[in-house]
Amino acid sequence: MNSVNRLRVGVLVDSKARANLRADYGLSLYLESERWRVLFDTGPSDAVLEFNASAMGVDLSKLDLVLISHEHFDHTGGLPALARAGSRAPVLIPAGASWRLERAIEDLGLPVRKVIAGGEVLPGAFLLSQQYGPPYEQALAVNLGGKGLVTVHGCSHPGPSRIVAKALNDTGVKPFAVVGGLHLAWSPPESVQTELKALASLGVKTMIPLHCSGELVLKEARRFGIEAKEAIAGDWLEL
């Protein structure tokens, strides 16, 4: 598998935001390497995505790829902003997503493709095919040279450690960091601890929990040798 030398992540949409940005319950991440630019999910609102992207200097017309982790509205509602920006980047959705999502993207005039089998979609970026949560959800794994895999999660409905284990199995590259929603905000402490222990055993060293991850993840991660960093909309992260 190819690798990238640099990975920069901008948190475009999250339930918390810096003073000059808008907060909304959902997730959208902008991923940039020296080789490509990717939008991962779009948040729930096209207006919020447009406003925050502009404030952060992200040009939605210059994306190489758009990935939708799953079809829940808090990850897909911002799609009209891409059409207004004139984006021609392919929009990849899970194979198990409903026909309604596919039709809605087509109606916006955006090129859409359902992903059946995972693979390297850009140099150093491997799309992990869907796992069932429910709903069906796909994730991204970026091979960051000298460090290992950075897995990018929408909500982790199938389970954070299941997604990271799939990344390791599919790519053969050891995991390094996890970024995104972990779906642990409503889990009891023992379940959070079980997931963190599993992630640590897979090799995860760094974590940036967002969206539906919950505060307990930040508090408990260090016990398992994982450095957890808090981030909100408006933040730029260098991995």
C-alpha atoms as a PDB file:
ATOM      1  CA  MET A   1       0.000   0.000   0.000  1.00  0.00           C
ATOM      2  CA  ASN A   2       1.182   3.526  -0.791  1.00  0.00           C
ATOM      3  CA  SER A   3       1.663   6.074   1.970  1.00  0.00           C
ATOM      4  CA  VAL A   4       1.487   9.820   2.515  1.00  0.00           C
ATOM      5  CA  ASN A   5       4.089  11.922   4.314  1.00  0.00           C
ATOM      6  CA  ARG A   6       1.656  14.383   5.856  1.00  0.00           C
ATOM      7  CA  LEU A   7      -1.963  14.298   6.982  1.00  0.00           C
ATOM      8  CA  ARG A   8      -3.811  17.432   8.033  1.00  0.00           C
ATOM      9  CA  VAL A   9      -7.368  17.163   9.362  1.00  0.00           C
ATOM     10  CA  GLY A  10      -9.783  20.075   9.637  1.00  0.00           C
ATOM     11  CA  VAL A  11     -12.894  19.631  11.783  1.00  0.00           C
ATOM     12  CA  LEU A  12     -15.528  21.395   9.683  1.00  0.00           C
ATOM     13  CA  VAL A  13     -18.652  20.326  11.599  1.00  0.00           C
ATOM     14  CA  ASP A  14     -19.078  19.095  15.152  1.00  0.00           C
ATOM     15  CA  SER A  15     -21.464  19.709  18.048  1.00  0.00           C
ATOM     16  CA  LYS A  16     -18.965  22.178  19.545  1.00  0.00           C
ATOM     17  CA  ALA A  17     -17.223  24.948  17.633  1.00  0.00           C
ATOM     18  CA  ARG A  18     -14.691  27.739  18.019  1.00  0.00           C
ATOM     19  CA  ALA A  19     -16.127  31.221  18.568  1.00  0.00           C
ATOM     20  CA  ASN A  20     -16.041  32.251  14.901  1.00  0.00           C
ATOM     21  CA  LEU A  21     -17.672  29.056  13.599  1.00  0.00           C
ATOM     22  CA  ARG A  22     -21.081  27.406  13.832  1.00  0.00           C
ATOM     23  CA  ALA A  23     -21.748  24.270  15.864  1.00  0.00           C
ATOM     24  CA  ASP A  24     -24.224  21.600  14.814  1.00  0.00           C
ATOM     25  CA  TYR A  25     -24.858  18.005  15.815  1.00  0.00           C
ATOM     26  CA  GLY A  26     -23.095  16.006  13.134  1.00  0.00           C
ATOM     27  CA  LEU A  27     -19.686  15.475  11.620  1.00  0.00           C
ATOM     28  CA  SER A  28     -17.676  16.656   8.650  1.00  0.00           C
ATOM     29  CA  LEU A  29     -13.908  16.353   8.295  1.00  0.00           C
ATOM     30  CA  TYR A  30     -11.560  17.750   5.686  1.00  0.00           C
ATOM     31  CA  LEU A  31      -8.499  15.567   5.078  1.00  0.00           C
ATOM     32  CA  GLU A  32      -5.494  16.885   3.212  1.00  0.00           C
ATOM     33  CA  SER A  33      -2.203  15.212   2.327  1.00  0.00           C
ATOM     34  CA  GLU A  34       0.516  16.281  -0.060  1.00  0.00           C
ATOM     35  CA  ARG A  35      -1.266  14.153  -2.673  1.00  0.00           C
ATOM     36  CA  TRP A  36      -5.022  14.731  -2.312  1.00  0.00           C
ATOM     37  CA  ARG A  37      -7.989  16.491  -0.630  1.00  0.00           C
ATOM     38  CA  VAL A  38     -10.923  14.525   0.782  1.00  0.00           C
ATOM     39  CA  LEU A  39     -14.203  15.482   2.463  1.00  0.00           C
ATOM     40  CA  PHE A  40     -15.368  12.856   4.948  1.00  0.00           C
ATOM     41  CA  ASP A  41     -19.094  13.303   5.685  1.00  0.00           C
ATOM     42  CA  THR A  42     -20.921  16.627   5.350  1.00  0.00           C
ATOM     43  CA  GLY A  43     -22.675  17.285   8.664  1.00  0.00           C
ATOM     44  CA  PRO A  44     -26.442  17.934   8.885  1.00  0.00           C
ATOM     45  CA  SER A  45     -26.627  21.363   7.244  1.00  0.00           C
ATOM     46  CA  ASP A  46     -25.382  22.737   3.950  1.00  0.00           C
ATOM     47  CA  ALA A  47     -25.419  26.260   5.404  1.00  0.00           C
ATOM     48  CA  VAL A  48     -23.207  25.260   8.337  1.00  0.00           C
ATOM     49  CA  LEU A  49     -20.822  23.321   6.105  1.00  0.00           C
ATOM     50  CA  GLU A  50     -20.518  26.262   3.694  1.00  0.00           C
ATOM     51  CA  PHE A  51     -19.987  28.795   6.471  1.00  0.00           C
ATOM     52  CA  ASN A  52     -17.401  26.758   8.370  1.00  0.00           C
ATOM     53  CA  ALA A  53     -15.522  25.642   5.253  1.00  0.00           C
ATOM     54  CA  SER A  54     -15.242  29.255   4.124  1.00  0.00           C
ATOM     55  CA  ALA A  55     -14.092  30.397   7.569  1.00  0.00           C
ATOM     56  CA  MET A  56     -11.413  27.694   7.596  1.00  0.00           C
ATOM     57  CA  GLY A  57     -10.246  28.373   4.053  1.00  0.00           C
ATOM     58  CA  VAL A  58     -11.449  25.060   2.626  1.00  0.00           C
ATOM     59  CA  ASP A  59     -12.514  25.222  -1.035  1.00  0.00           C
ATOM     60  CA  LEU A  60     -15.280  22.649  -1.540  1.00  0.00           C
ATOM     61  CA  SER A  61     -14.890  22.919  -5.323  1.00  0.00           C
ATOM     62  CA  LYS A  62     -11.364  21.482  -5.217  1.00  0.00           C
ATOM     63  CA  LEU A  63     -11.957  18.115  -3.581  1.00  0.00           C
ATOM     64  CA  ASP A  64     -10.582  14.927  -5.064  1.00  0.00           C
ATOM     65  CA  LEU A  65     -13.054  12.658  -3.287  1.00  0.00           C
ATOM     66  CA  VAL A  66     -16.091  12.775  -0.989  1.00  0.00           C
ATOM     67  CA  LEU A  67     -16.762   9.871   1.369  1.00  0.00           C
ATOM     68  CA  ILE A  68     -20.048   9.334   3.175  1.00  0.00           C
ATOM     69  CA  SER A  69     -19.631   6.978   6.119  1.00  0.00           C
ATOM     70  CA  HIS A  70     -23.337   6.153   6.488  1.00  0.00           C
ATOM     71  CA  GLU A  71     -26.702   7.548   5.521  1.00  0.00           C
ATOM     72  CA  HIS A  72     -27.823   9.245   8.737  1.00  0.00           C
ATOM     73  CA  PHE A  73     -28.814  12.862   8.132  1.00  0.00           C
ATOM     74  CA  ASP A  74     -26.256  14.337  10.531  1.00  0.00           C
ATOM     75  CA  HIS A  75     -23.602  13.063   8.117  1.00  0.00           C
ATOM     76  CA  THR A  76     -25.321  13.707   4.780  1.00  0.00           C
ATOM     77  CA  GLY A  77     -27.392  16.885   5.195  1.00  0.00           C
ATOM     78  CA  GLY A  78     -24.612  19.143   3.922  1.00  0.00           C
ATOM     79  CA  LEU A  79     -24.382  17.532   0.488  1.00  0.00           C
ATOM     80  CA  PRO A  80     -26.169  20.410  -1.321  1.00  0.00           C
ATOM     81  CA  ALA A  81     -23.227  22.651  -0.423  1.00  0.00           C
ATOM     82  CA  LEU A  82     -21.013  20.543  -2.690  1.00  0.00           C
ATOM     83  CA  ALA A  83     -23.370  20.994  -5.623  1.00  0.00           C
ATOM     84  CA  ARG A  84     -23.483  24.766  -5.112  1.00  0.00           C
ATOM     85  CA  ALA A  85     -19.685  24.858  -4.903  1.00  0.00           C
ATOM     86  CA  GLY A  86     -19.448  23.098  -8.279  1.00  0.00           C
ATOM     87  CA  SER A  87     -17.685  20.032  -6.914  1.00  0.00           C
ATOM     88  CA  ARG A  88     -17.198  17.209  -9.393  1.00  0.00           C
ATOM     89  CA  ALA A  89     -15.513  14.904  -6.901  1.00  0.00           C
ATOM     90  CA  PRO A  90     -16.977  11.374  -6.812  1.00  0.00           C
ATOM     91  CA  VAL A  91     -19.202  10.724  -3.792  1.00  0.00           C
ATOM     92  CA  LEU A  92     -18.686   7.220  -2.393  1.00  0.00           C
ATOM     93  CA  ILE A  93     -21.430   5.708  -0.237  1.00  0.00           C
ATOM     94  CA  PRO A  94     -21.761   2.268   1.390  1.00  0.00           C
ATOM     95  CA  ALA A  95     -23.235  -0.489  -0.770  1.00  0.00           C
ATOM     96  CA  GLY A  96     -25.952  -1.043   1.825  1.00  0.00           C
ATOM     97  CA  ALA A  97     -27.137   2.560   1.815  1.00  0.00           C
ATOM     98  CA  SER A  98     -30.724   3.096   0.724  1.00  0.00           C
ATOM     99  CA  TRP A  99     -31.713   4.036  -2.807  1.00  0.00           C
ATOM    100  CA  ARG A 100     -33.041   7.304  -1.373  1.00  0.00           C
ATOM    101  CA  LEU A 101     -29.540   8.516  -0.508  1.00  0.00           C
ATOM    102  CA  GLU A 102     -28.201   7.512  -3.913  1.00  0.00           C
ATOM    103  CA  ARG A 103     -31.111   9.250  -5.667  1.00  0.00           C
ATOM    104  CA  ALA A 104     -30.730  12.398  -3.568  1.00  0.00           C
ATOM    105  CA  ILE A 105     -27.060  12.677  -4.534  1.00  0.00           C
ATOM    106  CA  GLU A 106     -27.866  12.074  -8.197  1.00  0.00           C
ATOM    107  CA  ASP A 107     -30.570  14.745  -8.054  1.00  0.00           C
ATOM    108  CA  LEU A 108     -27.950  17.213  -6.853  1.00  0.00           C
ATOM    109  CA  GLY A 109     -25.951  16.489 -10.005  1.00  0.00           C
ATOM    110  CA  LEU A 110     -23.089  14.914  -8.071  1.00  0.00           C
ATOM    111  CA  PRO A 111     -21.367  11.731  -9.289  1.00  0.00           C
ATOM    112  CA  VAL A 112     -22.163   8.934  -6.839  1.00  0.00           C
ATOM    113  CA  ARG A 113     -20.922   5.365  -6.497  1.00  0.00           C
ATOM    114  CA  LYS A 114     -21.853   2.625  -4.073  1.00  0.00           C
ATOM    115  CA  VAL A 115     -18.784   0.882  -2.654  1.00  0.00           C
ATOM    116  CA  ILE A 116     -19.048  -2.902  -2.591  1.00  0.00           C
ATOM    117  CA  ALA A 117     -15.409  -3.863  -2.079  1.00  0.00           C
ATOM    118  CA  GLY A 118     -12.815  -1.785  -0.267  1.00  0.00           C
ATOM    119  CA  GLY A 119      -9.543  -0.722  -1.817  1.00  0.00           C
ATOM    120  CA  GLU A 120      -7.024   2.060  -2.267  1.00  0.00           C
ATOM    121  CA  VAL A 121      -9.099   4.953  -3.561  1.00  0.00           C
ATOM    122  CA  LEU A 122      -6.264   7.508  -3.540  1.00  0.00           C
ATOM    123  CA  PRO A 123      -2.513   7.038  -3.010  1.00  0.00           C
ATOM    124  CA  GLY A 124      -2.116   6.019   0.612  1.00  0.00           C
ATOM    125  CA  ALA A 125      -5.868   6.140   1.324  1.00  0.00           C
ATOM    126  CA  PHE A 126      -7.742   2.839   1.680  1.00  0.00           C
ATOM    127  CA  LEU A 127     -11.536   2.768   1.825  1.00  0.00           C
ATOM    128  CA  LEU A 128     -12.773   0.105   4.220  1.00  0.00           C
ATOM    129  CA  SER A 129     -15.906  -1.501   2.830  1.00  0.00           C
ATOM    130  CA  GLN A 130     -19.081  -1.469   4.881  1.00  0.00           C
ATOM    131  CA  GLN A 131     -19.706  -3.199   8.169  1.00  0.00           C
ATOM    132  CA  TYR A 132     -23.142  -3.485   9.716  1.00  0.00           C
ATOM    133  CA  GLY A 133     -23.995  -1.519  12.822  1.00  0.00           C
ATOM    134  CA  PRO A 134     -26.812  -0.905  12.018  1.00  0.00           C
ATOM    135  CA  PRO A 135     -26.727   0.946   9.676  1.00  0.00           C
ATOM    136  CA  TYR A 136     -24.135  -0.047   7.112  1.00  0.00           C
ATOM    137  CA  GLU A 137     -21.045   2.076   7.619  1.00  0.00           C
ATOM    138  CA  GLN A 138     -17.725   2.479   5.840  1.00  0.00           C
ATOM    139  CA  ALA A 139     -14.504   4.107   7.054  1.00  0.00           C
ATOM    140  CA  LEU A 140     -11.219   5.369   5.696  1.00  0.00           C
ATOM    141  CA  ALA A 141      -7.676   4.269   6.547  1.00  0.00           C
ATOM    142  CA  VAL A 142      -4.749   6.529   5.654  1.00  0.00           C
ATOM    143  CA  ASN A 143      -1.234   5.093   5.686  1.00  0.00           C
ATOM    144  CA  LEU A 144       0.868   7.829   7.272  1.00  0.00           C
ATOM    145  CA  GLY A 145       4.484   7.069   6.484  1.00  0.00           C
ATOM    146  CA  GLY A 146       6.649   6.221   9.478  1.00  0.00           C
ATOM    147  CA  LYS A 147       3.678   6.052  11.854  1.00  0.00           C
ATOM    148  CA  GLY A 148       1.024   3.658  10.571  1.00  0.00           C
ATOM    149  CA  LEU A 149      -2.692   3.766   9.818  1.00  0.00           C
ATOM    150  CA  VAL A 150      -4.951   6.649  10.709  1.00  0.00           C
ATOM    151  CA  THR A 151      -8.531   5.374  10.633  1.00  0.00           C
ATOM    152  CA  VAL A 152     -11.287   7.926  10.092  1.00  0.00           C
ATOM    153  CA  HIS A 153     -14.711   7.046  11.503  1.00  0.00           C
ATOM    154  CA  GLY A 154     -18.147   8.591  11.009  1.00  0.00           C
ATOM    155  CA  CYS A 155     -20.054   7.126  13.969  1.00  0.00           C
ATOM    156  CA  SER A 156     -18.478   3.690  14.488  1.00  0.00           C
ATOM    157  CA  HIS A 157     -21.874   1.980  14.682  1.00  0.00           C
ATOM    158  CA  PRO A 158     -20.196  -1.405  14.021  1.00  0.00           C
ATOM    159  CA  GLY A 159     -17.813  -0.683  16.926  1.00  0.00           C
ATOM    160  CA  PRO A 160     -14.569   1.322  16.868  1.00  0.00           C
ATOM    161  CA  SER A 161     -12.314  -1.673  17.454  1.00  0.00           C
ATOM    162  CA  ARG A 162     -14.089  -3.724  14.776  1.00  0.00           C
ATOM    163  CA  ILE A 163     -13.375  -0.994  12.255  1.00  0.00           C
ATOM    164  CA  VAL A 164      -9.712  -0.728  13.265  1.00  0.00           C
ATOM    165  CA  ALA A 165      -9.336  -4.518  13.205  1.00  0.00           C
ATOM    166  CA  LYS A 166     -10.744  -4.543   9.682  1.00  0.00           C
ATOM    167  CA  ALA A 167      -8.269  -1.840   8.670  1.00  0.00           C
ATOM    168  CA  LEU A 168      -5.377  -3.920   9.959  1.00  0.00           C
ATOM    169  CA  ASN A 169      -6.703  -7.071   8.285  1.00  0.00           C
ATOM    170  CA  ASP A 170      -7.421  -5.399   4.932  1.00  0.00           C
ATOM    171  CA  THR A 171      -4.219  -3.382   4.618  1.00  0.00           C
ATOM    172  CA  GLY A 172      -1.637  -5.239   6.699  1.00  0.00           C
ATOM    173  CA  VAL A 173      -0.498  -1.895   8.127  1.00  0.00           C
ATOM    174  CA  LYS A 174      -0.403  -1.416  11.893  1.00  0.00           C
ATOM    175  CA  PRO A 175      -2.912   1.126  13.261  1.00  0.00           C
ATOM    176  CA  PHE A 176      -1.597   4.342  14.787  1.00  0.00           C
ATOM    177  CA  ALA A 177      -4.454   6.828  15.285  1.00  0.00           C
ATOM    178  CA  VAL A 178      -8.252   7.021  15.317  1.00  0.00           C
ATOM    179  CA  VAL A 179     -10.154  10.169  14.319  1.00  0.00           C
ATOM    180  CA  GLY A 180     -13.910  10.741  14.356  1.00  0.00           C
ATOM    181  CA  GLY A 181     -17.086   9.512  15.994  1.00  0.00           C
ATOM    182  CA  LEU A 182     -16.815   6.472  18.259  1.00  0.00           C
ATOM    183  CA  HIS A 183     -20.481   6.066  19.295  1.00  0.00           C
ATOM    184  CA  LEU A 184     -19.586   5.623  22.963  1.00  0.00           C
ATOM    185  CA  ALA A 185     -21.380   8.661  24.401  1.00  0.00           C
ATOM    186  CA  TRP A 186     -24.278   6.524  25.637  1.00  0.00           C
ATOM    187  CA  SER A 187     -22.250   3.453  26.621  1.00  0.00           C
ATOM    188  CA  PRO A 188     -21.667   2.378  30.231  1.00  0.00           C
ATOM    189  CA  PRO A 189     -18.123   2.844  31.599  1.00  0.00           C
ATOM    190  CA  GLU A 190     -17.258  -0.836  31.265  1.00  0.00           C
ATOM    191  CA  SER A 191     -18.115  -0.808  27.555  1.00  0.00           C
ATOM    192  CA  VAL A 192     -15.992   2.278  26.980  1.00  0.00           C
ATOM    193  CA  GLN A 193     -13.091   0.632  28.788  1.00  0.00           C
ATOM    194  CA  THR A 194     -13.512  -2.575  26.766  1.00  0.00           C
ATOM    195  CA  GLU A 195     -13.322  -0.635  23.504  1.00  0.00           C
ATOM    196  CA  LEU A 196     -10.296   1.366  24.612  1.00  0.00           C
ATOM    197  CA  LYS A 197      -8.502  -1.803  25.712  1.00  0.00           C
ATOM    198  CA  ALA A 198      -9.245  -3.405  22.336  1.00  0.00           C
ATOM    199  CA  LEU A 199      -8.021  -0.339  20.437  1.00  0.00           C
ATOM    200  CA  ALA A 200      -4.815  -0.252  22.475  1.00  0.00           C
ATOM    201  CA  SER A 201      -4.203  -3.941  21.801  1.00  0.00           C
ATOM    202  CA  LEU A 202      -4.504  -3.245  18.058  1.00  0.00           C
ATOM    203  CA  GLY A 203      -1.751  -0.627  18.324  1.00  0.00           C
ATOM    204  CA  VAL A 204      -3.679   2.650  18.528  1.00  0.00           C
ATOM    205  CA  LYS A 205      -1.513   5.335  20.172  1.00  0.00           C
ATOM    206  CA  THR A 206      -3.446   8.531  19.436  1.00  0.00           C
ATOM    207  CA  MET A 207      -7.146   9.300  19.364  1.00  0.00           C
ATOM    208  CA  ILE A 208      -9.191  12.351  18.417  1.00  0.00           C
ATOM    209  CA  PRO A 209     -12.733  11.506  19.536  1.00  0.00           C
ATOM    210  CA  LEU A 210     -15.449  13.683  18.001  1.00  0.00           C
ATOM    211  CA  HIS A 211     -19.221  13.906  17.538  1.00  0.00           C
ATOM    212  CA  CYS A 212     -20.805  10.909  19.341  1.00  0.00           C
ATOM    213  CA  SER A 213     -17.714   9.749  21.255  1.00  0.00           C
ATOM    214  CA  GLY A 214     -18.541  11.093  24.718  1.00  0.00           C
ATOM    215  CA  GLU A 215     -16.460  12.733  27.434  1.00  0.00           C
ATOM    216  CA  LEU A 216     -15.562   9.466  29.158  1.00  0.00           C
ATOM    217  CA  VAL A 217     -13.350   8.440  26.239  1.00  0.00           C
ATOM    218  CA  LEU A 218     -11.159  11.483  26.814  1.00  0.00           C
ATOM    219  CA  LYS A 219     -10.920  10.747  30.524  1.00  0.00           C
ATOM    220  CA  GLU A 220     -10.211   7.014  30.245  1.00  0.00           C
ATOM    221  CA  ALA A 221      -7.923   6.762  27.215  1.00  0.00           C
ATOM    222  CA  ARG A 222      -4.656   7.444  29.036  1.00  0.00           C
ATOM    223  CA  ARG A 223      -5.261   4.477  31.346  1.00  0.00           C
ATOM    224  CA  PHE A 224      -4.812   2.274  28.280  1.00  0.00           C
ATOM    225  CA  GLY A 225      -1.764   4.061  26.890  1.00  0.00           C
ATOM    226  CA  ILE A 226      -3.700   6.101  24.327  1.00  0.00           C
ATOM    227  CA  GLU A 227      -3.221   9.856  24.033  1.00  0.00           C
ATOM    228  CA  ALA A 228      -6.667  11.380  23.483  1.00  0.00           C
ATOM    229  CA  LYS A 229      -6.834  14.924  22.111  1.00  0.00           C
ATOM    230  CA  GLU A 230      -9.948  17.062  22.317  1.00  0.00           C
ATOM    231  CA  ALA A 231     -10.972  18.886  19.135  1.00  0.00           C
ATOM    232  CA  ILE A 232     -14.022  20.840  17.954  1.00  0.00           C
ATOM    233  CA  ALA A 233     -15.162  22.528  14.755  1.00  0.00           C
ATOM    234  CA  GLY A 234     -12.583  25.060  13.645  1.00  0.00           C
ATOM    235  CA  ASP A 235      -9.581  23.020  14.748  1.00  0.00           C
ATOM    236  CA  TRP A 236      -6.762  21.890  12.484  1.00  0.00           C
ATOM    237  CA  LEU A 237      -4.933  18.707  13.435  1.00  0.00           C
ATOM    238  CA  GLU A 238      -1.524  17.598  12.196  1.00  0.00           C
ATOM    239  CA  LEU A 239      -1.008  13.854  12.554  1.00  0.00           C
END
